[in-house]
Amino acid sequence: MLRTLRRLTEHRAGQALVEFAVVIPVFFLLMMAILDLGRVGLYFVAASDLARSGARYAANYNNGGGFTDAQVVAYIKQQANGLTMANLTQASCAPATPPNPISGATAACYKPPVGSSYIFIDRTTSAAYVTVSIVYTFEPTTPMVRAFFQTYYLEASATMQPEY
């Protein structure tokens, strides 16, 4: 009986190694997917914060009138340096508020290159409100996750009523 047990345990010597080799790629893929999901959350929160602070700044009173679009863009760029979104440019598309979701043939103007953002300032829809929108292009870091979710456009908008 004892010999039979020893013989069975000797034949299973590599079982743990085989199980480890099968499970570890799935574990690391899952871990990287979780990190990419966290990055999406980080960039969405950063874009929302930038849009909100930009709209608040654009709605402020400044010597009898509001701040110009160039001043608002400079303020947003200054705020973005601390939020890992330093590559921002102002885009001029018509209409100035990007569609949600960004899709279709007319949406090419609203799609920034990967890793950068566009700023949109809309004062034309209503004189009583100013809308600031940020569009960030996100691409996953993990190659296998990138195969499923290639490019995603994060859009955040904020609307404020001017004080002037």
N, C-alpha and C. Protein backbone atom coordinates (compact mmCIF):
# COMPACT_ATOMS: atom_id res chain seq x y z
N MET A 1 0.82 -1.19 0.00
CA MET A 1 0.00 0.00 0.00
C MET A 1 0.86 1.26 0.00
N LEU A 2 1.90 1.25 0.82
CA LEU A 2 2.79 2.39 0.90
C LEU A 2 3.53 2.60 -0.42
N ARG A 3 3.92 1.52 -1.06
CA ARG A 3 4.59 1.62 -2.37
C ARG A 3 3.66 2.22 -3.42
N THR A 4 2.43 1.86 -3.39
CA THR A 4 1.46 2.38 -4.36
C THR A 4 1.30 3.89 -4.18
N LEU A 5 1.22 4.38 -2.96
CA LEU A 5 1.11 5.82 -2.70
C LEU A 5 2.35 6.57 -3.16
N ARG A 6 3.51 6.00 -2.91
CA ARG A 6 4.75 6.65 -3.36
C ARG A 6 4.81 6.72 -4.88
N ARG A 7 4.39 5.67 -5.52
CA ARG A 7 4.41 5.64 -6.98
C ARG A 7 3.47 6.71 -7.55
N LEU A 8 2.31 6.89 -6.94
CA LEU A 8 1.35 7.90 -7.41
C LEU A 8 1.88 9.32 -7.20
N THR A 9 2.52 9.57 -6.07
CA THR A 9 3.05 10.91 -5.83
C THR A 9 4.25 11.21 -6.70
N GLU A 10 5.04 10.23 -7.07
CA GLU A 10 6.19 10.45 -7.94
C GLU A 10 5.75 10.84 -9.34
N HIS A 11 4.64 10.33 -9.80
CA HIS A 11 4.18 10.62 -11.15
C HIS A 11 3.55 12.01 -11.26
N ARG A 12 3.25 12.66 -10.15
CA ARG A 12 2.62 13.98 -10.16
C ARG A 12 3.63 15.10 -9.83
N ALA A 13 4.87 14.82 -9.99
CA ALA A 13 5.89 15.80 -9.60
C ALA A 13 5.82 17.07 -10.45
N GLY A 14 5.47 17.01 -11.70
CA GLY A 14 5.42 18.19 -12.56
C GLY A 14 4.06 18.81 -12.71
N GLN A 15 3.08 18.32 -11.97
CA GLN A 15 1.72 18.81 -12.11
C GLN A 15 1.60 20.28 -11.73
N ALA A 16 2.20 20.69 -10.66
CA ALA A 16 2.11 22.08 -10.22
C ALA A 16 2.75 23.02 -11.24
N LEU A 17 3.85 22.59 -11.83
CA LEU A 17 4.50 23.41 -12.84
C LEU A 17 3.63 23.58 -14.07
N VAL A 18 2.96 22.54 -14.49
CA VAL A 18 2.06 22.62 -15.65
C VAL A 18 0.87 23.52 -15.34
N GLU A 19 0.28 23.38 -14.17
CA GLU A 19 -0.84 24.24 -13.79
C GLU A 19 -0.41 25.70 -13.71
N PHE A 20 0.77 25.94 -13.17
CA PHE A 20 1.30 27.31 -13.10
C PHE A 20 1.49 27.88 -14.50
N ALA A 21 2.03 27.08 -15.41
CA ALA A 21 2.27 27.54 -16.78
C ALA A 21 0.96 27.84 -17.51
N VAL A 22 -0.09 27.15 -17.18
CA VAL A 22 -1.38 27.38 -17.83
C VAL A 22 -2.08 28.61 -17.23
N VAL A 23 -1.97 28.80 -15.93
CA VAL A 23 -2.72 29.86 -15.25
C VAL A 23 -2.03 31.22 -15.31
N ILE A 24 -0.72 31.26 -15.29
CA ILE A 24 -0.01 32.54 -15.17
C ILE A 24 -0.25 33.50 -16.35
N PRO A 25 -0.33 33.05 -17.62
CA PRO A 25 -0.63 34.02 -18.68
C PRO A 25 -2.02 34.64 -18.53
N VAL A 26 -2.99 33.85 -18.14
CA VAL A 26 -4.34 34.38 -17.94
C VAL A 26 -4.34 35.37 -16.77
N PHE A 27 -3.63 35.06 -15.72
CA PHE A 27 -3.56 35.95 -14.57
C PHE A 27 -2.94 37.29 -14.95
N PHE A 28 -1.81 37.26 -15.69
CA PHE A 28 -1.17 38.52 -16.07
C PHE A 28 -2.01 39.31 -17.07
N LEU A 29 -2.70 38.63 -17.98
CA LEU A 29 -3.59 39.34 -18.90
C LEU A 29 -4.71 40.03 -18.13
N LEU A 30 -5.27 39.34 -17.17
CA LEU A 30 -6.32 39.93 -16.34
C LEU A 30 -5.78 41.12 -15.54
N MET A 31 -4.57 40.99 -15.03
CA MET A 31 -3.95 42.07 -14.26
C MET A 31 -3.72 43.31 -15.15
N MET A 32 -3.23 43.11 -16.35
CA MET A 32 -2.99 44.23 -17.26
C MET A 32 -4.31 44.87 -17.71
N ALA A 33 -5.33 44.05 -17.91
CA ALA A 33 -6.65 44.59 -18.28
C ALA A 33 -7.20 45.46 -17.15
N ILE A 34 -6.99 45.05 -15.91
CA ILE A 34 -7.43 45.86 -14.77
C ILE A 34 -6.67 47.18 -14.72
N LEU A 35 -5.37 47.14 -15.01
CA LEU A 35 -4.59 48.37 -15.03
C LEU A 35 -5.05 49.31 -16.14
N ASP A 36 -5.36 48.75 -17.33
CA ASP A 36 -5.87 49.58 -18.42
C ASP A 36 -7.23 50.18 -18.07
N LEU A 37 -8.06 49.42 -17.40
CA LEU A 37 -9.36 49.94 -16.97
C LEU A 37 -9.17 51.08 -15.97
N GLY A 38 -8.19 50.94 -15.09
CA GLY A 38 -7.87 52.02 -14.16
C GLY A 38 -7.38 53.27 -14.87
N ARG A 39 -6.61 53.08 -15.94
CA ARG A 39 -6.14 54.23 -16.71
C ARG A 39 -7.30 54.94 -17.40
N VAL A 40 -8.28 54.18 -17.90
CA VAL A 40 -9.46 54.80 -18.51
C VAL A 40 -10.17 55.68 -17.48
N GLY A 41 -10.32 55.15 -16.28
CA GLY A 41 -10.96 55.93 -15.21
C GLY A 41 -10.18 57.18 -14.88
N LEU A 42 -8.86 57.06 -14.81
CA LEU A 42 -8.02 58.22 -14.51
C LEU A 42 -8.18 59.31 -15.56
N TYR A 43 -8.12 58.94 -16.83
CA TYR A 43 -8.22 59.95 -17.88
C TYR A 43 -9.63 60.53 -17.98
N PHE A 44 -10.66 59.73 -17.70
CA PHE A 44 -12.02 60.28 -17.73
C PHE A 44 -12.23 61.29 -16.60
N VAL A 45 -11.76 60.95 -15.42
CA VAL A 45 -11.89 61.89 -14.29
C VAL A 45 -11.07 63.15 -14.55
N ALA A 46 -9.86 63.00 -15.11
CA ALA A 46 -9.04 64.17 -15.42
C ALA A 46 -9.70 65.05 -16.48
N ALA A 47 -10.28 64.42 -17.53
CA ALA A 47 -10.95 65.20 -18.57
C ALA A 47 -12.19 65.90 -18.01
N SER A 48 -12.94 65.23 -17.15
CA SER A 48 -14.12 65.85 -16.54
C SER A 48 -13.72 67.04 -15.67
N ASP A 49 -12.65 66.87 -14.91
CA ASP A 49 -12.18 67.95 -14.05
C ASP A 49 -11.70 69.14 -14.87
N LEU A 50 -10.98 68.87 -15.95
CA LEU A 50 -10.52 69.97 -16.82
C LEU A 50 -11.69 70.69 -17.48
N ALA A 51 -12.68 69.95 -17.95
CA ALA A 51 -13.83 70.58 -18.58
C ALA A 51 -14.60 71.44 -17.58
N ARG A 52 -14.77 70.93 -16.37
CA ARG A 52 -15.50 71.67 -15.34
C ARG A 52 -14.75 72.93 -14.92
N SER A 53 -13.45 72.82 -14.68
CA SER A 53 -12.69 74.01 -14.27
C SER A 53 -12.56 75.00 -15.43
N GLY A 54 -12.46 74.50 -16.67
CA GLY A 54 -12.42 75.39 -17.83
C GLY A 54 -13.73 76.14 -18.02
N ALA A 55 -14.85 75.45 -17.84
CA ALA A 55 -16.15 76.11 -17.97
C ALA A 55 -16.35 77.13 -16.85
N ARG A 56 -15.91 76.79 -15.67
CA ARG A 56 -16.02 77.73 -14.55
C ARG A 56 -15.17 78.97 -14.82
N TYR A 57 -13.97 78.77 -15.36
CA TYR A 57 -13.09 79.89 -15.67
C TYR A 57 -13.69 80.74 -16.80
N ALA A 58 -14.26 80.08 -17.82
CA ALA A 58 -14.83 80.81 -18.95
C ALA A 58 -16.06 81.61 -18.54
N ALA A 59 -16.74 81.18 -17.48
CA ALA A 59 -17.94 81.87 -17.03
C ALA A 59 -17.65 83.00 -16.06
N ASN A 60 -16.41 83.16 -15.64
CA ASN A 60 -16.06 84.20 -14.66
C ASN A 60 -16.07 85.59 -15.28
N TYR A 61 -16.25 86.55 -14.43
CA TYR A 61 -16.24 87.96 -14.79
C TYR A 61 -14.80 88.44 -14.92
N ASN A 62 -14.52 89.22 -15.97
CA ASN A 62 -13.16 89.72 -16.17
C ASN A 62 -13.24 91.12 -16.75
N ASN A 63 -13.20 92.13 -15.92
CA ASN A 63 -13.16 93.54 -16.35
C ASN A 63 -14.27 93.89 -17.33
N GLY A 64 -15.48 93.56 -17.03
CA GLY A 64 -16.61 93.93 -17.88
C GLY A 64 -17.00 92.90 -18.91
N GLY A 65 -16.21 91.91 -19.11
CA GLY A 65 -16.54 90.86 -20.08
C GLY A 65 -15.92 89.56 -19.63
N GLY A 66 -16.20 88.53 -20.34
CA GLY A 66 -15.66 87.23 -19.97
C GLY A 66 -14.25 87.06 -20.52
N PHE A 67 -13.63 85.99 -20.09
CA PHE A 67 -12.30 85.65 -20.62
C PHE A 67 -12.43 85.21 -22.06
N THR A 68 -11.41 85.47 -22.85
CA THR A 68 -11.42 85.05 -24.25
C THR A 68 -11.15 83.55 -24.32
N ASP A 69 -11.41 82.98 -25.50
CA ASP A 69 -11.15 81.55 -25.68
C ASP A 69 -9.68 81.22 -25.51
N ALA A 70 -8.80 82.11 -25.97
CA ALA A 70 -7.36 81.87 -25.83
C ALA A 70 -6.95 81.85 -24.35
N GLN A 71 -7.55 82.73 -23.55
CA GLN A 71 -7.25 82.73 -22.11
C GLN A 71 -7.77 81.46 -21.43
N VAL A 72 -8.95 81.00 -21.85
CA VAL A 72 -9.51 79.78 -21.28
C VAL A 72 -8.65 78.58 -21.65
N VAL A 73 -8.20 78.50 -22.90
CA VAL A 73 -7.33 77.40 -23.35
C VAL A 73 -6.02 77.42 -22.58
N ALA A 74 -5.44 78.59 -22.38
CA ALA A 74 -4.19 78.69 -21.62
C ALA A 74 -4.40 78.23 -20.18
N TYR A 75 -5.53 78.58 -19.60
CA TYR A 75 -5.82 78.15 -18.23
C TYR A 75 -5.98 76.62 -18.16
N ILE A 76 -6.70 76.05 -19.12
CA ILE A 76 -6.90 74.59 -19.14
C ILE A 76 -5.57 73.87 -19.33
N LYS A 77 -4.72 74.39 -20.20
CA LYS A 77 -3.40 73.77 -20.40
C LYS A 77 -2.56 73.83 -19.13
N GLN A 78 -2.65 74.93 -18.42
CA GLN A 78 -1.92 75.06 -17.16
C GLN A 78 -2.43 74.04 -16.15
N GLN A 79 -3.74 73.86 -16.06
CA GLN A 79 -4.32 72.88 -15.14
C GLN A 79 -4.00 71.44 -15.57
N ALA A 80 -3.89 71.21 -16.86
CA ALA A 80 -3.66 69.85 -17.38
C ALA A 80 -2.26 69.34 -17.09
N ASN A 81 -1.31 70.21 -16.89
CA ASN A 81 0.05 69.76 -16.62
C ASN A 81 0.13 68.91 -15.36
N GLY A 82 -0.71 69.16 -14.39
CA GLY A 82 -0.72 68.38 -13.16
C GLY A 82 -1.61 67.16 -13.24
N LEU A 83 -2.33 66.96 -14.32
CA LEU A 83 -3.29 65.86 -14.44
C LEU A 83 -2.90 64.85 -15.53
N THR A 84 -1.66 64.77 -15.89
CA THR A 84 -1.14 63.82 -16.89
C THR A 84 -1.79 63.96 -18.26
N MET A 85 -2.34 65.11 -18.57
CA MET A 85 -2.94 65.34 -19.89
C MET A 85 -2.34 66.60 -20.49
N ALA A 86 -1.04 66.62 -20.64
CA ALA A 86 -0.34 67.83 -21.05
C ALA A 86 -0.46 68.13 -22.54
N ASN A 87 -0.85 67.19 -23.37
CA ASN A 87 -0.88 67.39 -24.81
C ASN A 87 -2.29 67.80 -25.25
N LEU A 88 -2.65 69.07 -25.00
CA LEU A 88 -3.96 69.59 -25.35
C LEU A 88 -3.84 70.67 -26.43
N THR A 89 -4.77 70.65 -27.36
CA THR A 89 -4.86 71.71 -28.37
C THR A 89 -6.32 72.07 -28.57
N GLN A 90 -6.55 73.30 -28.97
CA GLN A 90 -7.92 73.73 -29.25
C GLN A 90 -8.27 73.36 -30.67
N ALA A 91 -9.41 72.75 -30.85
CA ALA A 91 -9.87 72.36 -32.19
C ALA A 91 -11.03 73.26 -32.58
N SER A 92 -11.16 73.47 -33.86
CA SER A 92 -12.28 74.28 -34.34
C SER A 92 -13.09 73.43 -35.32
N CYS A 93 -14.18 72.92 -34.82
CA CYS A 93 -15.11 72.12 -35.61
C CYS A 93 -16.48 72.77 -35.51
N ALA A 94 -17.33 72.47 -36.47
CA ALA A 94 -18.69 72.99 -36.40
C ALA A 94 -19.64 71.81 -36.32
N PRO A 95 -20.48 71.74 -35.33
CA PRO A 95 -20.65 72.60 -34.17
C PRO A 95 -19.52 72.41 -33.16
N ALA A 96 -19.38 73.37 -32.27
CA ALA A 96 -18.26 73.37 -31.33
C ALA A 96 -18.39 72.31 -30.24
N THR A 97 -19.58 71.80 -29.99
CA THR A 97 -19.75 70.74 -29.01
C THR A 97 -19.67 69.40 -29.73
N PRO A 98 -18.74 68.52 -29.35
CA PRO A 98 -18.61 67.24 -30.04
C PRO A 98 -19.80 66.33 -29.80
N PRO A 99 -20.14 65.49 -30.79
CA PRO A 99 -21.25 64.55 -30.59
C PRO A 99 -20.85 63.47 -29.59
N ASN A 100 -21.85 62.92 -28.94
CA ASN A 100 -21.59 61.84 -27.98
C ASN A 100 -22.48 60.67 -28.33
N PRO A 101 -21.98 59.54 -28.78
CA PRO A 101 -20.58 59.17 -28.96
C PRO A 101 -20.00 59.75 -30.24
N ILE A 102 -18.70 59.84 -30.27
CA ILE A 102 -18.02 60.39 -31.44
C ILE A 102 -17.91 59.29 -32.48
N SER A 103 -18.75 59.38 -33.49
CA SER A 103 -18.75 58.37 -34.56
C SER A 103 -19.30 59.01 -35.82
N GLY A 104 -19.13 58.31 -36.91
CA GLY A 104 -19.62 58.79 -38.19
C GLY A 104 -18.54 59.51 -38.98
N ALA A 105 -18.89 59.85 -40.22
CA ALA A 105 -17.93 60.47 -41.12
C ALA A 105 -17.63 61.91 -40.71
N THR A 106 -18.61 62.62 -40.16
CA THR A 106 -18.38 64.01 -39.79
C THR A 106 -17.60 64.15 -38.49
N ALA A 107 -17.39 63.05 -37.78
CA ALA A 107 -16.72 63.11 -36.49
C ALA A 107 -15.20 63.09 -36.60
N ALA A 108 -14.64 63.05 -37.79
CA ALA A 108 -13.18 63.00 -37.95
C ALA A 108 -12.51 64.24 -37.36
N CYS A 109 -13.18 65.36 -37.39
CA CYS A 109 -12.63 66.59 -36.84
C CYS A 109 -12.53 66.53 -35.32
N TYR A 110 -13.36 65.71 -34.69
CA TYR A 110 -13.41 65.63 -33.23
C TYR A 110 -12.46 64.58 -32.66
N LYS A 111 -11.74 63.85 -33.49
CA LYS A 111 -10.90 62.75 -33.03
C LYS A 111 -9.43 63.18 -32.98
N PRO A 112 -8.89 63.40 -31.78
CA PRO A 112 -7.47 63.77 -31.69
C PRO A 112 -6.58 62.54 -31.89
N PRO A 113 -5.29 62.75 -32.15
CA PRO A 113 -4.37 61.61 -32.25
C PRO A 113 -4.27 60.87 -30.91
N VAL A 114 -3.78 59.66 -30.95
CA VAL A 114 -3.68 58.83 -29.74
C VAL A 114 -2.78 59.51 -28.71
N GLY A 115 -3.27 59.59 -27.48
CA GLY A 115 -2.51 60.17 -26.39
C GLY A 115 -2.61 61.67 -26.27
N SER A 116 -3.46 62.30 -27.05
CA SER A 116 -3.60 63.75 -26.95
C SER A 116 -5.08 64.10 -26.81
N SER A 117 -5.35 65.39 -26.59
CA SER A 117 -6.71 65.85 -26.32
C SER A 117 -7.03 67.09 -27.14
N TYR A 118 -8.31 67.25 -27.40
CA TYR A 118 -8.82 68.47 -28.03
C TYR A 118 -9.70 69.20 -27.03
N ILE A 119 -9.64 70.53 -27.09
CA ILE A 119 -10.48 71.39 -26.27
C ILE A 119 -11.49 72.07 -27.19
N PHE A 120 -12.75 72.05 -26.80
CA PHE A 120 -13.80 72.73 -27.55
C PHE A 120 -14.50 73.71 -26.61
N ILE A 121 -14.66 74.95 -27.06
CA ILE A 121 -15.36 75.97 -26.27
C ILE A 121 -16.54 76.45 -27.11
N ASP A 122 -17.74 76.27 -26.60
CA ASP A 122 -18.95 76.59 -27.34
C ASP A 122 -19.70 77.70 -26.62
N ARG A 123 -19.75 78.85 -27.26
CA ARG A 123 -20.53 79.99 -26.74
C ARG A 123 -21.66 80.34 -27.69
N THR A 124 -21.81 79.58 -28.78
CA THR A 124 -22.75 79.96 -29.83
C THR A 124 -24.13 79.38 -29.65
N THR A 125 -24.28 78.25 -28.96
CA THR A 125 -25.61 77.63 -28.87
C THR A 125 -26.57 78.49 -28.06
N SER A 126 -26.07 79.11 -27.03
CA SER A 126 -26.91 79.98 -26.21
C SER A 126 -26.02 81.03 -25.58
N ALA A 127 -26.44 82.27 -25.64
CA ALA A 127 -25.63 83.34 -25.05
C ALA A 127 -25.64 83.25 -23.53
N ALA A 128 -26.58 82.50 -22.97
CA ALA A 128 -26.69 82.40 -21.51
C ALA A 128 -25.77 81.33 -20.92
N TYR A 129 -25.14 80.52 -21.76
CA TYR A 129 -24.29 79.43 -21.26
C TYR A 129 -23.01 79.32 -22.06
N VAL A 130 -21.97 78.80 -21.41
CA VAL A 130 -20.72 78.48 -22.08
C VAL A 130 -20.43 77.00 -21.79
N THR A 131 -20.08 76.25 -22.85
CA THR A 131 -19.81 74.82 -22.72
C THR A 131 -18.37 74.56 -23.09
N VAL A 132 -17.64 73.87 -22.23
CA VAL A 132 -16.27 73.46 -22.50
C VAL A 132 -16.25 71.94 -22.56
N SER A 133 -15.69 71.41 -23.64
CA SER A 133 -15.61 69.96 -23.83
C SER A 133 -14.16 69.56 -24.04
N ILE A 134 -13.80 68.41 -23.48
CA ILE A 134 -12.47 67.83 -23.65
C ILE A 134 -12.67 66.44 -24.27
N VAL A 135 -11.94 66.15 -25.34
CA VAL A 135 -11.97 64.82 -25.95
C VAL A 135 -10.55 64.26 -25.88
N TYR A 136 -10.41 63.09 -25.26
CA TYR A 136 -9.12 62.42 -25.11
C TYR A 136 -9.18 61.07 -25.82
N THR A 137 -8.14 60.76 -26.59
CA THR A 137 -8.06 59.48 -27.29
C THR A 137 -7.28 58.51 -26.43
N PHE A 138 -7.92 57.42 -26.06
CA PHE A 138 -7.29 56.41 -25.21
C PHE A 138 -7.07 55.14 -26.00
N GLU A 139 -5.88 54.57 -25.84
CA GLU A 139 -5.56 53.28 -26.43
C GLU A 139 -4.94 52.40 -25.35
N PRO A 140 -5.44 51.19 -25.15
CA PRO A 140 -4.90 50.32 -24.10
C PRO A 140 -3.42 50.01 -24.32
N THR A 141 -2.73 49.78 -23.21
CA THR A 141 -1.30 49.45 -23.25
C THR A 141 -1.07 47.99 -23.60
N THR A 142 -1.90 47.11 -23.07
CA THR A 142 -1.74 45.68 -23.26
C THR A 142 -2.12 45.29 -24.68
N PRO A 143 -1.24 44.60 -25.41
CA PRO A 143 -1.56 44.24 -26.80
C PRO A 143 -2.81 43.38 -26.96
N MET A 144 -3.03 42.44 -26.07
CA MET A 144 -4.21 41.58 -26.22
C MET A 144 -5.49 42.34 -25.88
N VAL A 145 -5.43 43.25 -24.93
CA VAL A 145 -6.59 44.09 -24.63
C VAL A 145 -6.83 45.04 -25.79
N ARG A 146 -5.77 45.54 -26.40
CA ARG A 146 -5.89 46.45 -27.55
C ARG A 146 -6.56 45.75 -28.73
N ALA A 147 -6.41 44.43 -28.83
CA ALA A 147 -7.06 43.70 -29.91
C ALA A 147 -8.58 43.74 -29.76
N PHE A 148 -9.08 43.79 -28.53
CA PHE A 148 -10.51 43.82 -28.30
C PHE A 148 -11.06 45.25 -28.26
N PHE A 149 -10.33 46.18 -27.64
CA PHE A 149 -10.76 47.57 -27.50
C PHE A 149 -9.67 48.45 -28.09
N GLN A 150 -9.77 48.75 -29.37
CA GLN A 150 -8.66 49.41 -30.05
C GLN A 150 -8.47 50.85 -29.62
N THR A 151 -9.37 51.72 -29.96
CA THR A 151 -9.24 53.14 -29.62
C THR A 151 -10.57 53.60 -29.06
N TYR A 152 -10.50 54.34 -27.96
CA TYR A 152 -11.70 54.81 -27.30
C TYR A 152 -11.58 56.32 -27.10
N TYR A 153 -12.63 57.05 -27.41
CA TYR A 153 -12.64 58.50 -27.27
C TYR A 153 -13.41 58.88 -26.01
N LEU A 154 -12.69 59.42 -25.05
CA LEU A 154 -13.32 59.87 -23.81
C LEU A 154 -13.73 61.33 -23.98
N GLU A 155 -15.00 61.60 -23.78
CA GLU A 155 -15.48 62.97 -23.93
C GLU A 155 -16.09 63.43 -22.62
N ALA A 156 -15.69 64.61 -22.18
CA ALA A 156 -16.23 65.21 -20.96
C ALA A 156 -16.63 66.64 -21.28
N SER A 157 -17.82 67.03 -20.87
CA SER A 157 -18.32 68.38 -21.12
C SER A 157 -18.84 68.98 -19.82
N ALA A 158 -18.74 70.29 -19.74
CA ALA A 158 -19.31 71.02 -18.62
C ALA A 158 -19.90 72.31 -19.14
N THR A 159 -21.07 72.68 -18.61
CA THR A 159 -21.76 73.89 -19.01
C THR A 159 -21.98 74.77 -17.79
N MET A 160 -21.64 76.05 -17.94
CA MET A 160 -21.82 77.01 -16.84
C MET A 160 -22.52 78.25 -17.38
N GLN A 161 -23.17 78.96 -16.50
CA GLN A 161 -23.81 80.21 -16.85
C GLN A 161 -22.85 81.35 -16.57
N PRO A 162 -22.56 82.20 -17.57
CA PRO A 162 -21.61 83.30 -17.34
C PRO A 162 -22.10 84.29 -16.29
N GLU A 163 -21.14 84.91 -15.63
CA GLU A 163 -21.45 85.88 -14.57
C GLU A 163 -21.34 87.32 -15.05
N TYR A 164 -21.09 87.54 -16.32
CA TYR A 164 -20.94 88.90 -16.83
C TYR A 164 -22.12 89.31 -17.66
